[in-house]
C-alpha atoms as a PDB file:
ATOM      1  CA  MET A   1      28.094 -16.561 -30.422  1.00  0.00           C
ATOM      2  CA  SER A   2      26.263 -13.381 -29.469  1.00  0.00           C
ATOM      3  CA  THR A   3      26.412 -11.454 -26.222  1.00  0.00           C
ATOM      4  CA  PRO A   4      23.829 -12.014 -23.472  1.00  0.00           C
ATOM      5  CA  LEU A   5      22.209  -8.667 -24.289  1.00  0.00           C
ATOM      6  CA  ALA A   6      21.990  -9.532 -27.986  1.00  0.00           C
ATOM      7  CA  THR A   7      20.464 -12.895 -27.079  1.00  0.00           C
ATOM      8  CA  VAL A   8      17.827 -11.231 -24.893  1.00  0.00           C
ATOM      9  CA  ARG A   9      17.014  -8.777 -27.675  1.00  0.00           C
ATOM     10  CA  ASN A  10      16.744 -11.616 -30.197  1.00  0.00           C
ATOM     11  CA  LEU A  11      14.406 -13.507 -27.874  1.00  0.00           C
ATOM     12  CA  GLU A  12      12.326 -10.369 -27.440  1.00  0.00           C
ATOM     13  CA  ARG A  13      12.054 -10.058 -31.217  1.00  0.00           C
ATOM     14  CA  LEU A  14      10.956 -13.703 -31.457  1.00  0.00           C
ATOM     15  CA  TYR A  15       8.355 -13.274 -28.701  1.00  0.00           C
ATOM     16  CA  THR A  16       7.022 -10.150 -30.402  1.00  0.00           C
ATOM     17  CA  ARG A  17       6.543 -12.217 -33.556  1.00  0.00           C
ATOM     18  CA  GLY A  18       4.508 -14.830 -31.705  1.00  0.00           C
ATOM     19  CA  PHE A  19       7.179 -17.341 -30.617  1.00  0.00           C
ATOM     20  CA  ARG A  20       5.967 -19.518 -27.745  1.00  0.00           C
ATOM     21  CA  ASP A  21       7.904 -22.293 -26.040  1.00  0.00           C
ATOM     22  CA  ARG A  22       7.303 -23.620 -22.514  1.00  0.00           C
ATOM     23  CA  VAL A  23      10.933 -24.656 -21.990  1.00  0.00           C
ATOM     24  CA  THR A  24      12.229 -21.210 -22.958  1.00  0.00           C
ATOM     25  CA  ASP A  25       9.516 -19.526 -20.889  1.00  0.00           C
ATOM     26  CA  SER A  26      10.438 -21.617 -17.868  1.00  0.00           C
ATOM     27  CA  ALA A  27      14.167 -20.984 -18.281  1.00  0.00           C
ATOM     28  CA  LEU A  28      13.692 -17.225 -18.595  1.00  0.00           C
ATOM     29  CA  LEU A  29      11.432 -17.109 -15.550  1.00  0.00           C
ATOM     30  CA  LYS A  30      13.969 -19.121 -13.537  1.00  0.00           C
ATOM     31  CA  VAL A  31      16.731 -16.683 -14.492  1.00  0.00           C
ATOM     32  CA  ALA A  32      14.573 -13.740 -13.408  1.00  0.00           C
ATOM     33  CA  MET A  33      13.560 -15.419 -10.148  1.00  0.00           C
ATOM     34  CA  SER A  34      17.169 -16.312  -9.374  1.00  0.00           C
ATOM     35  CA  GLN A  35      18.228 -12.686  -9.841  1.00  0.00           C
ATOM     36  CA  ILE A  36      15.323 -11.526  -7.674  1.00  0.00           C
ATOM     37  CA  ALA A  37      16.428 -13.878  -4.882  1.00  0.00           C
ATOM     38  CA  ARG A  38      20.032 -12.644  -5.080  1.00  0.00           C
ATOM     39  CA  ASP A  39      18.935  -8.997  -5.145  1.00  0.00           C
ATOM     40  CA  GLU A  40      16.597  -9.488  -2.175  1.00  0.00           C
ATOM     41  CA  THR A  41      19.506 -10.882  -0.153  1.00  0.00           C
ATOM     42  CA  VAL A  42      21.763  -7.997  -1.149  1.00  0.00           C
ATOM     43  CA  LEU A  43      19.031  -5.470  -0.339  1.00  0.00           C
ATOM     44  CA  ARG A  44      18.460  -6.985   3.122  1.00  0.00           C
ATOM     45  CA  ASP A  45      22.171  -6.621   3.878  1.00  0.00           C
ATOM     46  CA  LEU A  46      22.248  -3.048   2.586  1.00  0.00           C
ATOM     47  CA  GLU A  47      19.137  -2.112   4.552  1.00  0.00           C
ATOM     48  CA  ARG A  48      20.665  -3.573   7.726  1.00  0.00           C
ATOM     49  CA  ASP A  49      23.785  -1.455   7.233  1.00  0.00           C
ATOM     50  CA  LEU A  50      21.663   1.630   6.455  1.00  0.00           C
ATOM     51  CA  ALA A  51      19.571   1.056   9.591  1.00  0.00           C
ATOM     52  CA  ASP A  52      22.748   0.973  11.699  1.00  0.00           C
ATOM     53  CA  LEU A  53      23.811   4.351  10.310  1.00  0.00           C
ATOM     54  CA  GLU A  54      20.311   5.780  10.692  1.00  0.00           C
ATOM     55  CA  GLN A  55      20.283   4.750  14.343  1.00  0.00           C
ATOM     56  CA  GLN A  56      23.802   6.052  14.965  1.00  0.00           C
ATOM     57  CA  TYR A  57      23.080   9.472  13.433  1.00  0.00           C
ATOM     58  CA  GLN A  58      19.333   9.630  14.265  1.00  0.00           C
ATOM     59  CA  MET A  59      18.453  10.450  10.661  1.00  0.00           C
ATOM     60  CA  SER A  60      16.708   8.534   7.880  1.00  0.00           C
ATOM     61  CA  SER A  61      18.754   7.599   4.854  1.00  0.00           C
ATOM     62  CA  GLU A  62      16.505   9.731   2.651  1.00  0.00           C
ATOM     63  CA  VAL A  63      17.102  12.833   4.790  1.00  0.00           C
ATOM     64  CA  PHE A  64      20.806  12.023   4.968  1.00  0.00           C
ATOM     65  CA  TYR A  65      21.027  11.725   1.182  1.00  0.00           C
ATOM     66  CA  GLN A  66      19.210  15.034   0.618  1.00  0.00           C
ATOM     67  CA  ARG A  67      21.502  16.798   3.073  1.00  0.00           C
ATOM     68  CA  TRP A  68      24.592  15.081   1.619  1.00  0.00           C
ATOM     69  CA  GLN A  69      23.630  16.143  -1.910  1.00  0.00           C
ATOM     70  CA  ALA A  70      23.035  19.711  -0.691  1.00  0.00           C
ATOM     71  CA  GLY A  71      26.548  19.796   0.795  1.00  0.00           C
ATOM     72  CA  GLN A  72      25.227  20.198   4.346  1.00  0.00           C
ATOM     73  CA  LEU A  73      27.300  17.345   5.768  1.00  0.00           C
ATOM     74  CA  GLY A  74      31.021  16.883   6.030  1.00  0.00           C
ATOM     75  CA  ASP A  75      33.232  14.340   4.308  1.00  0.00           C
ATOM     76  CA  ALA A  76      33.445  11.880   7.194  1.00  0.00           C
ATOM     77  CA  ALA A  77      34.165   8.300   6.149  1.00  0.00           C
ATOM     78  CA  ASP A  78      30.806   7.189   7.582  1.00  0.00           C
ATOM     79  CA  PHE A  79      29.009   9.685   5.364  1.00  0.00           C
ATOM     80  CA  MET A  80      30.860   8.568   2.255  1.00  0.00           C
ATOM     81  CA  ASP A  81      30.004   4.950   3.085  1.00  0.00           C
ATOM     82  CA  TRP A  82      26.387   5.895   3.819  1.00  0.00           C
ATOM     83  CA  ASN A  83      26.114   7.674   0.483  1.00  0.00           C
ATOM     84  CA  ALA A  84      27.482   4.637  -1.367  1.00  0.00           C
ATOM     85  CA  LEU A  85      25.225   2.207   0.541  1.00  0.00           C
ATOM     86  CA  TYR A  86      22.160   4.366  -0.082  1.00  0.00           C
ATOM     87  CA  GLN A  87      22.857   4.611  -3.816  1.00  0.00           C
ATOM     88  CA  MET A  88      23.470   0.866  -4.059  1.00  0.00           C
ATOM     89  CA  ALA A  89      20.206   0.163  -2.223  1.00  0.00           C
ATOM     90  CA  CYS A  90      18.335   2.471  -4.616  1.00  0.00           C
ATOM     91  CA  GLN A  91      19.836   0.676  -7.612  1.00  0.00           C
ATOM     92  CA  VAL A  92      18.932  -2.752  -6.232  1.00  0.00           C
ATOM     93  CA  ARG A  93      15.367  -1.590  -5.454  1.00  0.00           C
ATOM     94  CA  ASP A  94      15.021  -0.244  -9.000  1.00  0.00           C
ATOM     95  CA  ARG A  95      16.302  -3.521 -10.430  1.00  0.00           C
ATOM     96  CA  LEU A  96      13.890  -5.509  -8.260  1.00  0.00           C
ATOM     97  CA  ASN A  97      10.979  -3.336  -9.377  1.00  0.00           C
ATOM     98  CA  VAL A  98      11.826  -4.045 -13.017  1.00  0.00           C
ATOM     99  CA  LEU A  99      12.338  -7.760 -12.455  1.00  0.00           C
ATOM    100  CA  ARG A 100       9.169  -8.166 -10.435  1.00  0.00           C
ATOM    101  CA  ASP A 101       7.120  -6.400 -13.108  1.00  0.00           C
ATOM    102  CA  GLU A 102       8.706  -8.356 -15.954  1.00  0.00           C
ATOM    103  CA  SER A 103       8.998 -11.771 -14.316  1.00  0.00           C
ATOM    104  CA  THR A 104       5.307 -12.588 -14.170  1.00  0.00           C
ATOM    105  CA  PRO A 105       4.375 -15.714 -16.132  1.00  0.00           C
ATOM    106  CA  TYR A 106       3.784 -15.002 -19.802  1.00  0.00           C
ATOM    107  CA  GLU A 107       0.156 -15.273 -20.851  1.00  0.00           C
ATOM    108  CA  SER A 108      -0.332 -17.034 -24.187  1.00  0.00           C
END
């Protein structure tokens, strides 16, 4: 049995060669949509936590992150948490952008 990544790569090779199957298409789209739904929930929670910190410190997360990276802020626990939350939110947004671009129904 191959790994999930190997399976995805094998399916990509098949699709590139002209493979078409409605059941497989449907299953793949459901997997992508399920991940999108989970990521949207995670992102909402992260954004809520980020908004709380933004309100508390009267600073956007983007400005905070730039200042944090430049070493202009201390090592307070809130700032370490904020940094981690901001990076996680960026990763989830990136993943959602990829999934949303790639999860559109396949045109045959």
